[in-house]
């Protein structure tokens, strides 16, 4: 996958928070996706819900990921760095990694 993707916005229906998502790689039928949340903590259930939405979105898109058999979604939280006086630096923290297997009739 040599193409650069701009982040897309997904809104969590459960909390109303927005997050950014983009595909990172597509190797051996596995779609690797990054899901970036704002500094607000959300439940583990919301992480999984957003990860499934992002995976379904990219698999059904016109980007060429229709042959994906699985997705690995890394959920990150970005928050301002405490040492930065200007407030421009952000710290990324991995919250969880969600694995999704696409099965006909379940996620399609």
C-alpha atoms as a PDB file:
ATOM      1  CA  UNK A   1       0.000   0.000   0.000  1.00  0.00           C
ATOM      2  CA  UNK A   2       1.926   3.020  -1.266  1.00  0.00           C
ATOM      3  CA  UNK A   3      -0.970   5.433  -1.085  1.00  0.00           C
ATOM      4  CA  UNK A   4      -1.193   8.073   1.658  1.00  0.00           C
ATOM      5  CA  UNK A   5      -4.577   8.393   3.335  1.00  0.00           C
ATOM      6  CA  UNK A   6      -5.864  11.466   5.113  1.00  0.00           C
ATOM      7  CA  UNK A   7      -7.561  10.864   8.460  1.00  0.00           C
ATOM      8  CA  UNK A   8     -11.344  10.534   8.397  1.00  0.00           C
ATOM      9  CA  UNK A   9     -13.622  11.598  11.240  1.00  0.00           C
ATOM     10  CA  UNK A  10     -15.911   9.107  12.984  1.00  0.00           C
ATOM     11  CA  UNK A  11     -18.358  10.221  15.686  1.00  0.00           C
ATOM     12  CA  UNK A  12     -19.078   7.856  18.576  1.00  0.00           C
ATOM     13  CA  UNK A  13     -22.862   7.607  18.919  1.00  0.00           C
ATOM     14  CA  UNK A  14     -22.551   6.460  22.540  1.00  0.00           C
ATOM     15  CA  UNK A  15     -20.532   9.439  23.831  1.00  0.00           C
ATOM     16  CA  UNK A  16     -20.690  12.029  21.034  1.00  0.00           C
ATOM     17  CA  UNK A  17     -16.876  12.211  20.920  1.00  0.00           C
ATOM     18  CA  UNK A  18     -15.132  12.370  17.579  1.00  0.00           C
ATOM     19  CA  UNK A  19     -12.092  10.376  16.568  1.00  0.00           C
ATOM     20  CA  UNK A  20      -9.811  10.199  13.565  1.00  0.00           C
ATOM     21  CA  UNK A  21      -9.068   7.037  11.637  1.00  0.00           C
ATOM     22  CA  UNK A  22      -6.890   6.044   8.697  1.00  0.00           C
ATOM     23  CA  UNK A  23      -5.575   2.836   7.162  1.00  0.00           C
ATOM     24  CA  UNK A  24      -1.863   2.221   7.695  1.00  0.00           C
ATOM     25  CA  UNK A  25      -1.216  -0.966   5.720  1.00  0.00           C
ATOM     26  CA  UNK A  26      -2.862  -3.865   3.907  1.00  0.00           C
ATOM     27  CA  UNK A  27      -0.761  -7.041   4.041  1.00  0.00           C
ATOM     28  CA  UNK A  28      -1.713 -10.699   3.520  1.00  0.00           C
ATOM     29  CA  UNK A  29      -5.424  -9.909   3.723  1.00  0.00           C
ATOM     30  CA  UNK A  30      -5.108  -7.989   7.013  1.00  0.00           C
ATOM     31  CA  UNK A  31      -6.061  -4.312   7.099  1.00  0.00           C
ATOM     32  CA  UNK A  32      -4.119  -2.283   9.690  1.00  0.00           C
ATOM     33  CA  UNK A  33      -5.975   0.806  10.927  1.00  0.00           C
ATOM     34  CA  UNK A  34      -5.091   3.618  13.318  1.00  0.00           C
ATOM     35  CA  UNK A  35      -7.910   5.085  15.445  1.00  0.00           C
ATOM     36  CA  UNK A  36      -6.992   8.279  17.321  1.00  0.00           C
ATOM     37  CA  UNK A  37      -9.183   9.558  20.165  1.00  0.00           C
ATOM     38  CA  UNK A  38      -9.049  12.940  21.844  1.00  0.00           C
ATOM     39  CA  UNK A  39      -7.769  13.098  25.436  1.00  0.00           C
ATOM     40  CA  UNK A  40     -11.143  12.053  26.887  1.00  0.00           C
ATOM     41  CA  UNK A  41     -11.276   8.552  28.355  1.00  0.00           C
ATOM     42  CA  UNK A  42     -14.005   6.321  26.969  1.00  0.00           C
ATOM     43  CA  UNK A  43     -15.099   2.829  27.838  1.00  0.00           C
ATOM     44  CA  UNK A  44     -13.583  -0.351  26.416  1.00  0.00           C
ATOM     45  CA  UNK A  45     -16.980  -1.042  24.799  1.00  0.00           C
ATOM     46  CA  UNK A  46     -16.707   2.239  22.866  1.00  0.00           C
ATOM     47  CA  UNK A  47     -13.176   1.322  21.710  1.00  0.00           C
ATOM     48  CA  UNK A  48     -14.471  -1.927  20.196  1.00  0.00           C
ATOM     49  CA  UNK A  49     -17.545  -0.228  18.723  1.00  0.00           C
ATOM     50  CA  UNK A  50     -15.434   2.441  16.991  1.00  0.00           C
ATOM     51  CA  UNK A  51     -12.878  -0.123  15.804  1.00  0.00           C
ATOM     52  CA  UNK A  52     -15.582  -2.247  14.163  1.00  0.00           C
ATOM     53  CA  UNK A  53     -17.112   0.847  12.521  1.00  0.00           C
ATOM     54  CA  UNK A  54     -13.726   1.912  11.125  1.00  0.00           C
ATOM     55  CA  UNK A  55     -12.936  -1.601   9.839  1.00  0.00           C
ATOM     56  CA  UNK A  56     -16.335  -1.936   8.164  1.00  0.00           C
ATOM     57  CA  UNK A  57     -15.984   1.543   6.649  1.00  0.00           C
ATOM     58  CA  UNK A  58     -12.637   0.842   5.002  1.00  0.00           C
ATOM     59  CA  UNK A  59     -13.545  -2.682   3.888  1.00  0.00           C
ATOM     60  CA  UNK A  60     -16.678  -1.428   2.095  1.00  0.00           C
ATOM     61  CA  UNK A  61     -14.947   1.674   0.677  1.00  0.00           C
ATOM     62  CA  UNK A  62     -13.555   2.086  -2.804  1.00  0.00           C
ATOM     63  CA  UNK A  63      -9.947   2.011  -1.562  1.00  0.00           C
ATOM     64  CA  UNK A  64      -9.420  -1.625  -2.643  1.00  0.00           C
ATOM     65  CA  UNK A  65      -9.773  -3.320   0.754  1.00  0.00           C
ATOM     66  CA  UNK A  66     -12.779  -5.494  -0.181  1.00  0.00           C
ATOM     67  CA  UNK A  67     -10.598  -8.635  -0.035  1.00  0.00           C
ATOM     68  CA  UNK A  68      -9.642  -8.060   3.607  1.00  0.00           C
ATOM     69  CA  UNK A  69     -10.237 -11.117   5.799  1.00  0.00           C
ATOM     70  CA  UNK A  70      -9.284  -9.368   9.048  1.00  0.00           C
ATOM     71  CA  UNK A  71      -8.460  -5.997  10.546  1.00  0.00           C
ATOM     72  CA  UNK A  72      -6.126  -4.936  13.328  1.00  0.00           C
ATOM     73  CA  UNK A  73      -7.132  -1.585  14.798  1.00  0.00           C
ATOM     74  CA  UNK A  74      -4.754   0.257  17.118  1.00  0.00           C
ATOM     75  CA  UNK A  75      -6.669   2.657  19.381  1.00  0.00           C
ATOM     76  CA  UNK A  76      -4.579   5.645  20.501  1.00  0.00           C
ATOM     77  CA  UNK A  77      -5.344   8.563  22.797  1.00  0.00           C
ATOM     78  CA  UNK A  78      -3.650  11.893  22.106  1.00  0.00           C
ATOM     79  CA  UNK A  79      -3.327  14.453  24.862  1.00  0.00           C
ATOM     80  CA  UNK A  80      -1.242  17.620  25.344  1.00  0.00           C
ATOM     81  CA  UNK A  81       2.256  16.981  26.637  1.00  0.00           C
ATOM     82  CA  UNK A  82       2.804  18.251  30.203  1.00  0.00           C
ATOM     83  CA  UNK A  83       6.345  19.538  29.528  1.00  0.00           C
ATOM     84  CA  UNK A  84       5.266  21.695  26.572  1.00  0.00           C
ATOM     85  CA  UNK A  85       4.659  25.309  27.602  1.00  0.00           C
ATOM     86  CA  UNK A  86       3.151  26.247  24.228  1.00  0.00           C
ATOM     87  CA  UNK A  87       0.645  23.402  24.222  1.00  0.00           C
ATOM     88  CA  UNK A  88       1.560  22.275  20.701  1.00  0.00           C
ATOM     89  CA  UNK A  89       3.189  18.924  21.490  1.00  0.00           C
ATOM     90  CA  UNK A  90       0.959  15.889  21.913  1.00  0.00           C
ATOM     91  CA  UNK A  91       1.600  12.597  23.657  1.00  0.00           C
ATOM     92  CA  UNK A  92       0.169   9.413  22.105  1.00  0.00           C
ATOM     93  CA  UNK A  93      -0.815   6.509  24.326  1.00  0.00           C
ATOM     94  CA  UNK A  94      -1.906   3.108  23.027  1.00  0.00           C
ATOM     95  CA  UNK A  95      -5.196   2.288  24.743  1.00  0.00           C
ATOM     96  CA  UNK A  96      -5.867  -1.076  23.131  1.00  0.00           C
ATOM     97  CA  UNK A  97      -5.447  -3.145  19.973  1.00  0.00           C
ATOM     98  CA  UNK A  98      -8.629  -4.678  18.572  1.00  0.00           C
ATOM     99  CA  UNK A  99      -8.544  -7.667  16.226  1.00  0.00           C
ATOM    100  CA  UNK A 100     -11.511  -8.243  13.908  1.00  0.00           C
ATOM    101  CA  UNK A 101     -12.193 -11.236  11.668  1.00  0.00           C
ATOM    102  CA  UNK A 102     -14.553 -10.516   8.782  1.00  0.00           C
ATOM    103  CA  UNK A 103     -17.124 -13.267   8.378  1.00  0.00           C
ATOM    104  CA  UNK A 104     -19.838 -13.335   5.746  1.00  0.00           C
ATOM    105  CA  UNK A 105     -23.211 -12.471   7.239  1.00  0.00           C
ATOM    106  CA  UNK A 106     -21.798 -10.954  10.451  1.00  0.00           C
ATOM    107  CA  UNK A 107     -19.889  -7.780   9.583  1.00  0.00           C
ATOM    108  CA  UNK A 108     -20.939  -7.332   5.956  1.00  0.00           C
END
